[in-house]
Each structure stands twice: as C-alpha cells, then as structure tokens.
Protein backbone atom coordinates (compact mmCIF):
# COMPACT_ATOMS: atom_id res chain seq x y z
CA MET A 1 -0.12 -0.23 -0.03
CA SER A 2 1.40 3.27 -0.96
CA LYS A 3 -0.31 5.03 2.11
CA GLU A 4 -0.24 4.54 5.83
CA PHE A 5 -3.67 4.30 6.91
CA SER A 6 -5.25 5.06 10.58
CA ALA A 7 -7.72 2.90 12.53
CA ARG A 8 -8.88 5.82 14.09
CA SER A 9 -9.36 7.93 11.22
CA LEU A 10 -9.73 6.10 8.01
CA ASP A 11 -10.42 6.96 4.38
CA VAL A 12 -12.83 4.31 3.49
CA LYS A 13 -12.80 4.74 -0.26
CA ARG A 14 -9.10 5.43 -0.65
CA PHE A 15 -8.49 1.93 1.41
CA ALA A 16 -11.27 0.20 -0.93
CA GLU A 17 -9.51 1.37 -3.63
CA GLU A 18 -6.15 0.22 -2.42
CA GLY A 19 -7.58 -3.31 -1.45
CA GLY A 20 -6.44 -1.86 2.29
CA LYS A 21 -6.06 -5.13 4.83
CA MET A 22 -5.57 -3.76 8.68
CA GLU A 23 -4.98 -5.79 11.59
CA GLY A 24 -5.07 -4.53 15.31
CA GLN A 25 -4.99 -5.58 18.79
CA GLN A 26 -5.91 -3.04 21.59
CA PRO A 27 -6.19 -4.01 25.51
CA LEU A 28 -9.81 -4.02 26.44
CA SER A 29 -9.26 -1.02 28.59
CA ALA A 30 -8.73 0.82 25.75
CA TYR A 31 -12.99 0.67 24.97
CA LYS A 32 -15.02 2.56 27.76
CA ARG A 33 -18.55 0.85 27.13
CA LEU A 34 -17.07 -2.51 26.82
CA MET A 35 -15.10 -1.85 30.59
CA ALA A 36 -18.42 -0.31 31.33
CA GLU A 37 -20.29 -3.78 30.68
CA THR A 38 -17.31 -5.79 32.28
CA HIS A 39 -17.59 -3.77 35.30
CA GLY A 40 -13.91 -2.85 34.69
CA ARG A 41 -12.61 -6.33 35.18
CA ASN A 42 -9.76 -8.12 32.79
CA GLY A 43 -8.97 -4.44 31.26
CA GLU A 44 -5.98 -5.98 30.33
CA LYS A 45 -7.16 -8.88 27.85
CA PRO A 46 -6.88 -8.09 24.38
CA VAL A 47 -9.90 -7.23 22.06
CA THR A 48 -8.21 -8.13 18.58
CA TRP A 49 -9.67 -7.17 14.96
CA SER A 50 -9.02 -7.97 10.96
CA ILE A 51 -10.58 -5.52 8.11
CA ALA A 52 -10.29 -5.62 4.44
CA ALA A 53 -11.79 -3.75 2.03
CA GLU A 54 -12.46 -3.92 -1.54
CA LEU A 55 -13.81 -1.72 -4.39
CA ARG A 56 -16.69 -4.12 -6.58
CA ASN A 57 -17.65 -3.09 -9.77
CA ALA A 58 -14.35 -1.12 -10.37
CA GLY A 59 -15.21 -0.34 -13.75
CA HIS A 60 -18.44 0.85 -13.20
CA VAL A 61 -19.94 4.44 -12.25
CA ASN A 62 -20.98 4.15 -9.05
CA PRO A 63 -18.63 1.13 -7.79
CA GLU A 64 -19.36 -0.62 -4.54
CA ILE A 65 -17.31 -0.12 -1.30
CA TRP A 66 -17.47 -3.14 1.02
CA MET A 67 -15.41 -4.07 3.82
CA HIS A 68 -14.99 -6.78 6.31
CA LEU A 69 -14.52 -7.28 9.90
CA ASN A 70 -13.39 -9.83 12.56
CA SER A 71 -13.34 -9.58 15.61
CA LEU A 72 -12.51 -11.68 19.01
CA ALA A 73 -12.53 -10.73 22.26
CA THR A 74 -13.04 -12.95 25.50
CA LEU A 75 -15.56 -10.53 28.35
CA GLU A 76 -15.92 -10.96 31.77
CA LEU A 77 -19.41 -10.41 32.19
CA SER A 78 -21.86 -11.04 35.36
CA CYS A 79 -23.54 -14.34 35.51
CA GLN A 80 -27.12 -14.01 35.25
CA ARG A 81 -28.08 -17.34 37.21
CA CYS A 82 -24.85 -17.00 40.38
CA LEU A 83 -23.77 -13.41 40.18
CA ALA A 84 -20.16 -14.35 39.71
CA PRO A 85 -18.22 -13.00 36.66
CA VAL A 86 -18.59 -15.87 33.46
CA GLU A 87 -16.16 -15.29 30.83
CA VAL A 88 -17.92 -15.34 27.66
CA PRO A 89 -16.13 -15.36 24.28
CA VAL A 90 -17.47 -12.77 21.84
CA GLU A 91 -16.61 -12.81 18.20
CA VAL A 92 -17.74 -10.76 14.97
CA ASP A 93 -17.55 -11.90 11.42
CA ARG A 94 -19.69 -8.65 9.65
CA ALA A 95 -19.44 -7.59 5.74
CA PHE A 96 -20.74 -3.82 5.39
CA ARG A 97 -20.99 -1.76 2.26
CA PHE A 98 -20.65 2.02 2.25
CA VAL A 99 -23.03 4.79 0.71
CA SER A 100 -22.35 8.23 0.31
CA ASP A 101 -23.92 9.63 2.73
CA GLU A 102 -26.49 8.77 6.47
CA GLU A 103 -29.29 9.79 4.48
CA ALA A 104 -28.79 6.87 1.97
CA ALA A 105 -27.23 4.70 4.55
CA ALA A 106 -30.88 4.77 6.51
CA ALA A 107 -32.55 4.54 3.19
CA GLN A 108 -30.91 1.47 2.12
CA ASP A 109 -29.75 -0.25 5.59
CA GLU A 110 -33.49 -1.37 6.27
CA GLN A 111 -34.05 -2.54 2.42
CA SER A 112 -30.39 -4.36 2.67
CA GLU A 113 -29.18 -7.91 4.28
CA GLU A 114 -25.48 -6.03 4.65
CA ASP A 115 -25.03 -3.40 7.03
CA VAL A 116 -25.22 -0.12 5.11
CA LEU A 117 -22.65 2.96 6.31
CA ALA A 118 -21.99 6.12 5.24
CA LEU A 119 -19.16 6.66 3.71
CA SER A 120 -16.00 8.55 5.38
CA ARG A 121 -13.07 10.21 5.07
CA SER A 122 -12.11 9.66 8.58
CA PHE A 123 -13.65 6.69 9.75
CA ASP A 124 -13.56 5.49 13.11
CA LEU A 125 -12.83 1.80 13.25
CA LEU A 126 -12.23 1.26 16.88
CA ALA A 127 -15.24 2.57 17.82
CA LEU A 128 -16.76 0.02 14.96
CA VAL A 129 -15.02 -2.70 16.40
CA GLU A 130 -16.60 -1.80 19.97
CA ASP A 131 -20.30 -1.53 18.28
CA GLU A 132 -20.21 -4.51 16.78
CA ILE A 133 -19.01 -6.72 19.69
CA LEU A 134 -21.11 -4.41 21.98
CA MET A 135 -24.39 -5.96 19.78
CA GLU A 136 -22.62 -9.53 19.88
CA MET A 137 -22.44 -9.80 23.29
CA PRO A 138 -25.46 -12.71 24.82
CA LEU A 139 -28.45 -10.63 26.62
CA ALA A 140 -28.08 -12.66 29.24
CA PRO A 141 -24.66 -14.53 30.11
CA ARG A 142 -24.43 -17.79 32.32
CA HIS A 143 -22.16 -20.27 33.42
CA GLU A 144 -22.47 -23.86 31.46
CA SER A 145 -23.07 -25.35 35.26
CA CYS A 146 -22.54 -22.06 38.00
CA PRO A 147 -19.63 -22.77 40.30
CA VAL A 148 -21.65 -22.08 43.71
CA PRO A 149 -25.30 -23.44 44.27
CA VAL A 150 -28.18 -21.43 42.61
CA THR A 151 -30.97 -21.03 45.36
CA LEU A 152 -34.48 -20.60 43.91
CA ALA A 153 -36.82 -19.28 46.70
CA VAL A 154 -40.24 -17.53 45.36
CA ALA A 155 -40.45 -16.07 48.82
CA ASP A 156 -38.45 -15.30 51.84
CA GLU A 157 -38.84 -17.44 54.98
CA ASP A 158 -38.96 -14.17 56.72
CA ILE A 159 -41.28 -12.47 55.40
CA ASP A 160 -45.29 -12.42 56.83
CA ASP A 161 -47.63 -13.22 53.88
CA GLY A 162 -50.58 -11.20 56.15
CA PRO A 163 -53.53 -13.22 57.10
CA GLY A 164 -54.38 -16.25 54.65
CA ALA A 165 -54.66 -16.41 51.07
CA ALA A 166 -56.16 -13.50 48.94
CA GLU A 167 -59.63 -14.21 47.26
CA ASN A 168 -60.18 -14.77 43.94
CA PRO A 169 -60.05 -11.61 41.72
CA PHE A 170 -63.34 -12.81 39.69
CA ALA A 171 -64.90 -14.01 42.36
CA VAL A 172 -65.41 -10.78 43.80
CA LEU A 173 -66.02 -9.34 40.45
CA GLY A 174 -68.91 -12.17 40.57
CA ARG A 175 -70.56 -10.30 43.38
CA PHE A 176 -71.15 -7.12 41.41
CA LYS A 177 -73.25 -9.14 38.46
CA PRO A 178 -76.43 -8.19 38.44
CA ARG A 179 -78.63 -11.84 39.40
CA LYS A 180 -81.80 -12.77 37.74
CA SER A 181 -84.46 -13.52 39.82
C-alpha cells in the first residue's frame, strides 16, 4: 500500500481502492463501553480485529465499497443465574457496504441484508469494532454449570404473608354481577 492508514481516522474509499487490509489488537481498557459492561474487570485482555476492504464493480460509474470485519474479545460478564463472573468469548464476522451519505445509508439499510454505513474520510474503525462487539454480547450471560449452587426461592421465609390467601379476583367481580330473578 502506498499510504499508511489509521484505524481511528480511516479514509474508507481510499482504503478500498487500494484493497486495504489492516489488523490490530488493543487492551479491553481502550474501549470505555466494553469496560462498563465488564465492570472494569480484565482490562488487560486483548481485543483483536482485522479488516479487509474492496471495491466491487470497479469499472462501474458508482463502484460499491465493501469492508469485512472480524473481531474477537473475551469479556468477563456477570452470570445471570449466580451473579458470579463468567468469561464469554464474543466473535464478530460481518460485512459492511458503504454509501455516499447518512441519508442514503438509513434508506438502504432497512432494505438490505448487509449493514450499510455512510462513507467517511475519517471513519473510526475502533468505534465500529466496539459497537459490533457490544451488539454480539449475549443478553443473559450464564455459566454452563454455575460454580456455586443457585438457590431458587420464590418467597423469603422471614416475610409474613399476612392473614391467609387472597380472595380470587373473579369471585369478587362475580358479586357485582346483577342476579336474574
């Protein structure tokens, strides 16, 4: 490649024209939103990524600009069963098509199977890596088998339930129903 490219300020069109490839690795602590999700745990763990760009239909008046992102991170999240930390590998493998502006991206994104982004001369690739990892995180991370026994209780024994069981609400409504004579 004739030009060095920066992941924080990437000229997407030029990168694709040159068939650019780039890879990198940063510590998890470089990504604020991911650190918030992990509650500051394991900030030294690596987030690795690679990107490849291409120009499709290069001879066409409006060639398509594509980038393919691969990323991998292991996040220490909270298990939703036992609340203990659980390591969750999160992998991203996604293709993006770039269009001229935000308006075109919004219009085409809903109709396209691929993700559509707006073309930029200073595209923040690391922000995209973080966005995609956040979207791939599981909604309810869990251990396969929790390291501590999980107690499943529906009521606290120390709480008094009051004077017996509540009356059936349909029985109460039935008292308001007019009776036929």
